[in-house]
C-alpha atoms as a PDB file:
ATOM      1  CA  MET A   1      -3.904  67.370   2.136  1.00  0.00           C
ATOM      2  CA  SER A   2      -7.420  68.404   3.013  1.00  0.00           C
ATOM      3  CA  ASP A   3      -8.297  70.579   5.983  1.00  0.00           C
ATOM      4  CA  THR A   4     -10.997  68.297   7.345  1.00  0.00           C
ATOM      5  CA  PRO A   5     -10.428  67.043  10.890  1.00  0.00           C
ATOM      6  CA  GLY A   6      -9.195  63.482  11.044  1.00  0.00           C
ATOM      7  CA  SER A   7      -7.914  63.341   7.470  1.00  0.00           C
ATOM      8  CA  LYS A   8      -4.534  61.658   7.157  1.00  0.00           C
ATOM      9  CA  GLN A   9      -1.915  61.661   4.429  1.00  0.00           C
ATOM     10  CA  ASN A  10       0.404  58.677   4.007  1.00  0.00           C
ATOM     11  CA  THR A  11       4.129  59.293   3.883  1.00  0.00           C
ATOM     12  CA  ALA A  12       6.186  58.516   0.783  1.00  0.00           C
ATOM     13  CA  ALA A  13       7.985  55.751   2.708  1.00  0.00           C
ATOM     14  CA  PHE A  14       4.708  54.062   3.649  1.00  0.00           C
ATOM     15  CA  TYR A  15       3.492  54.283   0.058  1.00  0.00           C
ATOM     16  CA  GLY A  16       6.794  52.866  -1.225  1.00  0.00           C
ATOM     17  CA  GLN A  17       6.656  50.013   1.274  1.00  0.00           C
ATOM     18  CA  ALA A  18       3.099  49.148   0.242  1.00  0.00           C
ATOM     19  CA  VAL A  19       3.992  49.155  -3.464  1.00  0.00           C
ATOM     20  CA  ALA A  20       7.150  47.096  -2.882  1.00  0.00           C
ATOM     21  CA  SER A  21       5.271  44.594  -0.723  1.00  0.00           C
ATOM     22  CA  PHE A  22       2.585  44.215  -3.378  1.00  0.00           C
ATOM     23  CA  ALA A  23       5.213  43.728  -6.109  1.00  0.00           C
ATOM     24  CA  VAL A  24       7.109  41.097  -4.097  1.00  0.00           C
ATOM     25  CA  ALA A  25       3.899  39.226  -3.276  1.00  0.00           C
ATOM     26  CA  MET A  26       2.758  39.201  -6.914  1.00  0.00           C
ATOM     27  CA  ALA A  27       6.215  38.144  -8.146  1.00  0.00           C
ATOM     28  CA  ALA A  28       6.464  35.349  -5.575  1.00  0.00           C
ATOM     29  CA  THR A  29       3.000  34.093  -6.489  1.00  0.00           C
ATOM     30  CA  ALA A  30       3.773  34.227 -10.228  1.00  0.00           C
ATOM     31  CA  ILE A  31       7.050  32.339  -9.735  1.00  0.00           C
ATOM     32  CA  GLY A  32       5.302  29.787  -7.543  1.00  0.00           C
ATOM     33  CA  ILE A  33       2.601  29.194 -10.133  1.00  0.00           C
ATOM     34  CA  TYR A  34       5.188  29.005 -12.936  1.00  0.00           C
ATOM     35  CA  GLN A  35       7.323  26.475 -11.020  1.00  0.00           C
ATOM     36  CA  LEU A  36       4.323  24.355 -10.041  1.00  0.00           C
ATOM     37  CA  SER A  37       4.543  20.823 -11.383  1.00  0.00           C
ATOM     38  CA  ALA A  38       1.055  20.752 -12.854  1.00  0.00           C
ATOM     39  CA  ASP A  39      -0.578  20.959 -16.255  1.00  0.00           C
ATOM     40  CA  ALA A  40      -0.619  24.302 -18.029  1.00  0.00           C
ATOM     41  CA  TRP A  41      -4.390  24.645 -17.613  1.00  0.00           C
ATOM     42  CA  VAL A  42      -4.042  24.277 -13.812  1.00  0.00           C
ATOM     43  CA  ARG A  43      -1.345  26.967 -13.700  1.00  0.00           C
ATOM     44  CA  GLY A  44      -3.469  29.173 -15.958  1.00  0.00           C
ATOM     45  CA  PHE A  45      -6.489  28.721 -13.706  1.00  0.00           C
ATOM     46  CA  LEU A  46      -4.445  29.665 -10.642  1.00  0.00           C
ATOM     47  CA  ALA A  47      -3.021  32.721 -12.410  1.00  0.00           C
ATOM     48  CA  ILE A  48      -6.498  33.926 -13.402  1.00  0.00           C
ATOM     49  CA  ALA A  49      -7.758  33.293  -9.867  1.00  0.00           C
ATOM     50  CA  VAL A  50      -4.920  35.390  -8.414  1.00  0.00           C
ATOM     51  CA  LEU A  51      -5.626  38.238 -10.837  1.00  0.00           C
ATOM     52  CA  TYR A  52      -9.332  38.093  -9.987  1.00  0.00           C
ATOM     53  CA  LEU A  53      -8.564  38.217  -6.259  1.00  0.00           C
ATOM     54  CA  VAL A  54      -6.249  41.195  -6.724  1.00  0.00           C
ATOM     55  CA  THR A  55      -8.716  43.220  -8.785  1.00  0.00           C
ATOM     56  CA  SER A  56     -11.631  42.443  -6.478  1.00  0.00           C
ATOM     57  CA  SER A  57      -9.502  43.373  -3.446  1.00  0.00           C
ATOM     58  CA  PHE A  58      -8.690  46.759  -4.993  1.00  0.00           C
ATOM     59  CA  THR A  59     -12.365  47.313  -5.761  1.00  0.00           C
ATOM     60  CA  LEU A  60     -13.446  46.350  -2.248  1.00  0.00           C
ATOM     61  CA  ALA A  61     -10.830  48.621  -0.666  1.00  0.00           C
ATOM     62  CA  LYS A  62     -11.976  51.527  -2.854  1.00  0.00           C
ATOM     63  CA  VAL A  63     -15.649  50.963  -2.008  1.00  0.00           C
ATOM     64  CA  ILE A  64     -14.900  50.827   1.715  1.00  0.00           C
ATOM     65  CA  ARG A  65     -12.760  53.973   1.502  1.00  0.00           C
ATOM     66  CA  ASP A  66     -15.411  55.827  -0.494  1.00  0.00           C
ATOM     67  CA  ARG A  67     -18.087  54.849   2.000  1.00  0.00           C
ATOM     68  CA  GLN A  68     -15.981  56.020   4.950  1.00  0.00           C
ATOM     69  CA  GLU A  69     -15.064  59.306   3.256  1.00  0.00           C
ATOM     70  CA  GLY A  70     -18.632  60.001   2.162  1.00  0.00           C
ATOM     71  CA  PRO A  71     -20.997  62.334   3.982  1.00  0.00           C
ATOM     72  CA  ALA A  72     -22.155  59.564   6.327  1.00  0.00           C
ATOM     73  CA  GLY A  73     -18.607  58.424   7.084  1.00  0.00           C
ATOM     74  CA  ALA A  74     -17.657  61.276   9.391  1.00  0.00           C
ATOM     75  CA  ALA A  75     -18.814  60.264  12.850  1.00  0.00           C
ATOM     76  CA  GLY A  76     -20.534  62.905  14.885  1.00  0.00           C
ATOM     77  CA  MET A  77     -21.385  65.244  12.012  1.00  0.00           C
ATOM     78  CA  ALA A  78     -24.679  66.996  12.537  1.00  0.00           C
ATOM     79  CA  GLY A  79     -27.141  66.302   9.750  1.00  0.00           C
ATOM     80  CA  ALA A  80     -25.152  63.391   8.316  1.00  0.00           C
ATOM     81  CA  ALA A  81     -27.156  60.903   6.290  1.00  0.00           C
ATOM     82  CA  PRO A  82     -27.919  57.638   8.084  1.00  0.00           C
ATOM     83  CA  THR A  83     -25.906  54.572   7.168  1.00  0.00           C
ATOM     84  CA  TYR A  84     -27.627  51.497   5.830  1.00  0.00           C
ATOM     85  CA  SER A  85     -26.802  47.845   5.785  1.00  0.00           C
ATOM     86  CA  PRO A  86     -26.016  46.537   2.283  1.00  0.00           C
ATOM     87  CA  TYR A  87     -29.100  44.329   2.576  1.00  0.00           C
ATOM     88  CA  GLU A  88     -31.451  47.018   3.874  1.00  0.00           C
ATOM     89  CA  LYS A  89     -33.899  48.711   1.530  1.00  0.00           C
ATOM     90  CA  HIS A  90     -33.916  52.516   1.541  1.00  0.00           C
END
């Protein structure tokens, strides 16, 4: 755990709950797609769409976390770099 003010460490129980919830959600979705009464190409399309959503969600969460933990993420720090809109030119 870092010594910076405001940093938080998740407990093992919270981490386990998050992993279990993710596993149950993915399993339920996979079973639902498998049991769907549709052509194989439709089920395949849905499976690929779910995988794409999962990977893009992980990427988005990482980008948001990295931006918040970066030098501009700590509110009230003297000399912190200004934050920019994603559409703003620097």
